[in-house]
Amino acid sequence: VCETFCPDLAIEKNGSIVSDILLNTYTSTITGLSESTEYYFNILVSDENQNKSVYQTIVVKTSDLTAPMLVSGSDITVTNLRSDKLTLTWQKAFDADTPQEELLYSLYQSINGTIETIEDILAFGVIIQDWSSNITSCEITNLTEASQYNYNVIVQDKSGNMTAYAMKSVTTPGLTAPVPGNNGTITFENIQ
């Protein structure tokens, strides 16, 4: 009988059996755990006379498998559009496990095709802004006039889960004035 703290009794009283381990078994697979949750595990050993001993407690946190979520209407918007530069802005995402100020953002550009999915973005996009926390805009310079560019932002939580914003296509304005027809000569006919 323990007169002070008996770890084996506390484990039996407060814990739940998740696996009965048989003689000479050294591993056990535990299923049905929730994601992003801390669990405390102990092993209680008993002999045929019911003498008990406890292994050291281990703490395990299950993985976060949920990607960051975007606020409804979190479109990438364009401001300060010029022939050679523009500014892109977006709203911050949120995540159940990663604080908002710790979410990472990366901005990608493509001139050859769409970059709508994370796979497309990583395969065909060119990094314009590498992973940075707490950002919601980026100025892009050295663009070519009258050219189409596709942009996308990926947000990543501390577990590496990623979400892509909706792709934004932008065409820079041209600087070349249109060429008037008839060499710029105005003619009149049938004036009365």
Protein backbone atom coordinates (compact mmCIF):
# COMPACT_ATOMS: atom_id res chain seq x y z
CA VAL A 1 0.00 0.00 0.00
CA CYS A 2 1.35 3.40 -0.94
CA GLU A 3 0.99 6.00 1.75
CA THR A 4 2.09 8.95 -0.40
CA PHE A 5 1.89 9.15 -4.19
CA CYS A 6 1.64 5.84 -6.04
CA PRO A 7 2.16 6.43 -9.77
CA ASP A 8 0.75 3.06 -10.76
CA LEU A 9 -2.49 3.73 -8.83
CA ALA A 10 -2.77 7.25 -10.28
CA ILE A 11 -2.34 5.88 -13.80
CA GLU A 12 -4.93 3.19 -13.24
CA LYS A 13 -7.36 5.67 -11.67
CA ASN A 14 -6.92 8.59 -14.12
CA GLY A 15 -5.78 6.95 -17.33
CA SER A 16 -7.51 4.91 -20.00
CA ILE A 17 -6.20 1.65 -21.38
CA VAL A 18 -5.50 2.19 -25.05
CA SER A 19 -3.73 -1.09 -25.65
CA ASP A 20 -3.16 -4.31 -23.76
CA ILE A 21 0.42 -5.29 -24.47
CA LEU A 22 1.19 -8.96 -24.26
CA LEU A 23 4.30 -10.73 -23.02
CA ASN A 24 7.42 -9.88 -25.03
CA THR A 25 5.63 -7.16 -27.01
CA TYR A 26 7.64 -3.97 -27.39
CA THR A 27 5.46 -1.84 -29.66
CA SER A 28 1.82 -0.90 -29.91
CA THR A 29 -0.08 1.14 -32.49
CA ILE A 30 -2.57 3.61 -31.07
CA THR A 31 -5.35 4.77 -33.41
CA GLY A 32 -8.29 7.14 -33.18
CA LEU A 33 -6.27 10.12 -31.95
CA SER A 34 -7.29 13.69 -32.76
CA GLU A 35 -4.96 15.90 -34.77
CA SER A 36 -2.90 18.62 -33.11
CA THR A 37 -3.57 17.25 -29.62
CA GLU A 38 -1.21 16.39 -26.75
CA TYR A 39 -1.44 12.89 -25.33
CA TYR A 40 0.34 11.48 -22.26
CA PHE A 41 1.37 7.85 -22.39
CA ASN A 42 2.50 5.53 -19.63
CA ILE A 43 3.24 1.85 -19.60
CA LEU A 44 2.22 -0.04 -16.51
CA VAL A 45 3.98 -3.40 -16.08
CA SER A 46 2.55 -6.12 -13.88
CA ASP A 47 3.85 -9.56 -12.98
CA GLU A 48 1.87 -12.69 -12.08
CA ASN A 49 1.77 -11.54 -8.41
CA GLN A 50 0.26 -8.16 -9.42
CA ASN A 51 3.47 -6.31 -8.54
CA LYS A 52 3.42 -3.16 -10.69
CA SER A 53 5.96 -0.78 -12.09
CA VAL A 54 5.56 2.31 -14.26
CA TYR A 55 7.67 3.51 -17.18
CA GLN A 56 8.44 7.20 -17.48
CA THR A 57 5.56 9.24 -18.94
CA ILE A 58 6.00 10.44 -22.50
CA VAL A 59 4.11 13.32 -24.08
CA VAL A 60 3.24 13.12 -27.76
CA LYS A 61 1.55 15.81 -29.82
CA THR A 62 -0.20 14.54 -32.92
CA SER A 63 0.39 16.28 -36.23
CA ASP A 64 -1.59 19.25 -37.49
CA LEU A 65 -3.04 18.12 -40.82
CA THR A 66 -5.36 21.07 -41.48
CA ALA A 67 -4.19 23.75 -43.92
CA PRO A 68 -4.65 27.45 -43.12
CA MET A 69 -8.04 28.88 -44.05
CA LEU A 70 -8.71 31.97 -46.11
CA VAL A 71 -11.23 34.61 -45.12
CA SER A 72 -14.23 34.66 -47.45
CA GLY A 73 -13.47 37.05 -50.29
CA SER A 74 -9.69 36.87 -49.75
CA ASP A 75 -8.88 37.74 -53.32
CA ILE A 76 -5.53 39.08 -54.43
CA THR A 77 -6.08 42.69 -55.47
CA VAL A 78 -4.00 44.95 -57.70
CA THR A 79 -3.19 48.58 -56.93
CA ASN A 80 -0.74 51.11 -58.36
CA LEU A 81 -0.84 49.40 -61.76
CA ARG A 82 1.74 50.94 -64.12
CA SER A 83 3.40 49.73 -67.30
CA ASP A 84 6.45 48.50 -65.36
CA LYS A 85 5.20 47.82 -61.82
CA LEU A 86 2.22 47.01 -59.64
CA THR A 87 1.34 46.24 -56.04
CA LEU A 88 -0.52 43.09 -54.95
CA THR A 89 -2.40 42.89 -51.66
CA TRP A 90 -4.27 40.08 -49.88
CA GLN A 91 -5.92 39.40 -46.53
CA LYS A 92 -4.21 37.34 -43.87
CA ALA A 93 -5.29 33.73 -43.49
CA PHE A 94 -5.98 32.04 -40.16
CA ASP A 95 -5.16 28.63 -38.72
CA ALA A 96 -6.36 26.64 -35.72
CA ASP A 97 -2.83 25.73 -34.62
CA THR A 98 -0.52 28.51 -35.86
CA PRO A 99 -0.96 32.09 -34.64
CA GLN A 100 -1.86 34.46 -37.49
CA GLU A 101 1.36 36.48 -37.11
CA GLU A 102 3.41 33.27 -37.57
CA LEU A 103 1.79 32.13 -40.82
CA LEU A 104 4.21 32.32 -43.76
CA TYR A 105 3.39 33.77 -47.18
CA SER A 106 5.15 33.28 -50.50
CA LEU A 107 4.26 35.10 -53.75
CA TYR A 108 4.66 33.53 -57.19
CA GLN A 109 4.50 34.83 -60.76
CA SER A 110 3.94 33.05 -64.08
CA ILE A 111 3.86 34.42 -67.61
CA ASN A 112 3.34 31.08 -69.34
CA GLY A 113 0.27 29.63 -67.71
CA THR A 114 -2.09 29.35 -64.84
CA ILE A 115 -0.87 28.79 -61.31
CA GLU A 116 -4.09 27.95 -59.50
CA THR A 117 -3.20 24.86 -57.46
CA ILE A 118 -0.29 24.48 -55.07
CA GLU A 119 1.19 21.86 -57.39
CA ASP A 120 0.96 24.26 -60.40
CA ILE A 121 2.36 27.15 -58.40
CA LEU A 122 5.38 25.18 -57.22
CA ALA A 123 5.98 23.63 -60.66
CA PHE A 124 5.42 26.65 -62.95
CA GLY A 125 5.64 29.71 -60.74
CA VAL A 126 8.65 31.90 -60.12
CA ILE A 127 9.14 33.10 -56.54
CA ILE A 128 8.71 36.86 -56.29
CA GLN A 129 8.54 37.01 -52.46
CA ASP A 130 9.99 34.07 -50.51
CA TRP A 131 8.43 32.83 -47.26
CA SER A 132 7.80 35.74 -44.90
CA SER A 133 5.52 36.15 -41.93
CA ASN A 134 2.98 38.86 -41.30
CA ILE A 135 2.86 40.31 -44.83
CA THR A 136 -0.19 41.31 -46.88
CA SER A 137 1.30 43.11 -49.87
CA CYS A 138 4.21 43.16 -52.28
CA GLU A 139 5.36 45.68 -54.88
CA ILE A 140 6.53 44.05 -58.11
CA THR A 141 8.83 46.00 -60.41
CA ASN A 142 10.67 45.51 -63.72
CA LEU A 143 7.55 44.41 -65.59
CA THR A 144 7.11 44.69 -69.35
CA GLU A 145 4.43 46.97 -70.74
CA ALA A 146 1.31 45.46 -72.30
CA SER A 147 2.11 42.00 -70.89
CA GLN A 148 0.00 39.52 -68.98
CA TYR A 149 1.23 38.13 -65.67
CA ASN A 150 -0.38 35.55 -63.38
CA TYR A 151 0.16 35.81 -59.64
CA ASN A 152 -0.61 33.65 -56.65
CA VAL A 153 0.11 33.53 -52.94
CA ILE A 154 0.63 30.41 -50.85
CA VAL A 155 0.14 30.55 -47.08
CA GLN A 156 1.82 27.92 -44.89
CA ASP A 157 1.36 27.04 -41.22
CA LYS A 158 4.10 25.88 -38.85
CA SER A 159 3.33 22.21 -39.67
CA GLY A 160 3.94 22.79 -43.37
CA ASN A 161 0.28 22.67 -44.45
CA MET A 162 -0.37 25.04 -47.36
CA THR A 163 -3.31 26.83 -48.98
CA ALA A 164 -3.31 28.78 -52.24
CA TYR A 165 -5.24 31.95 -52.85
CA ALA A 166 -7.18 32.35 -56.12
CA MET A 167 -4.85 33.23 -58.98
CA LYS A 168 -4.86 36.85 -60.15
CA SER A 169 -4.18 37.67 -63.83
CA VAL A 170 -2.98 41.19 -64.62
CA THR A 171 -2.11 42.90 -67.90
CA THR A 172 0.19 45.88 -67.64
CA PRO A 173 -0.88 48.94 -69.65
CA GLY A 174 0.97 49.78 -72.84
CA LEU A 175 2.91 53.00 -73.35
CA THR A 176 2.87 52.98 -77.13
CA ALA A 177 0.25 55.30 -78.53
CA PRO A 178 -2.09 53.77 -81.08
CA VAL A 179 -1.25 54.44 -84.71
CA PRO A 180 -4.01 56.44 -86.42
CA GLY A 181 -5.41 55.10 -89.65
CA ASN A 182 -4.89 56.88 -92.97
CA ASN A 183 -1.58 58.25 -91.65
CA GLY A 184 -3.53 60.53 -89.34
CA THR A 185 -5.19 62.41 -92.21
CA ILE A 186 -8.82 63.31 -91.79
CA THR A 187 -10.83 63.45 -94.99
CA PHE A 188 -14.26 64.83 -95.53
CA GLU A 189 -16.74 63.84 -98.18
CA ASN A 190 -20.15 65.11 -99.07
CA ILE A 191 -20.09 68.19 -96.89
CA GLN A 192 -23.09 70.47 -97.50
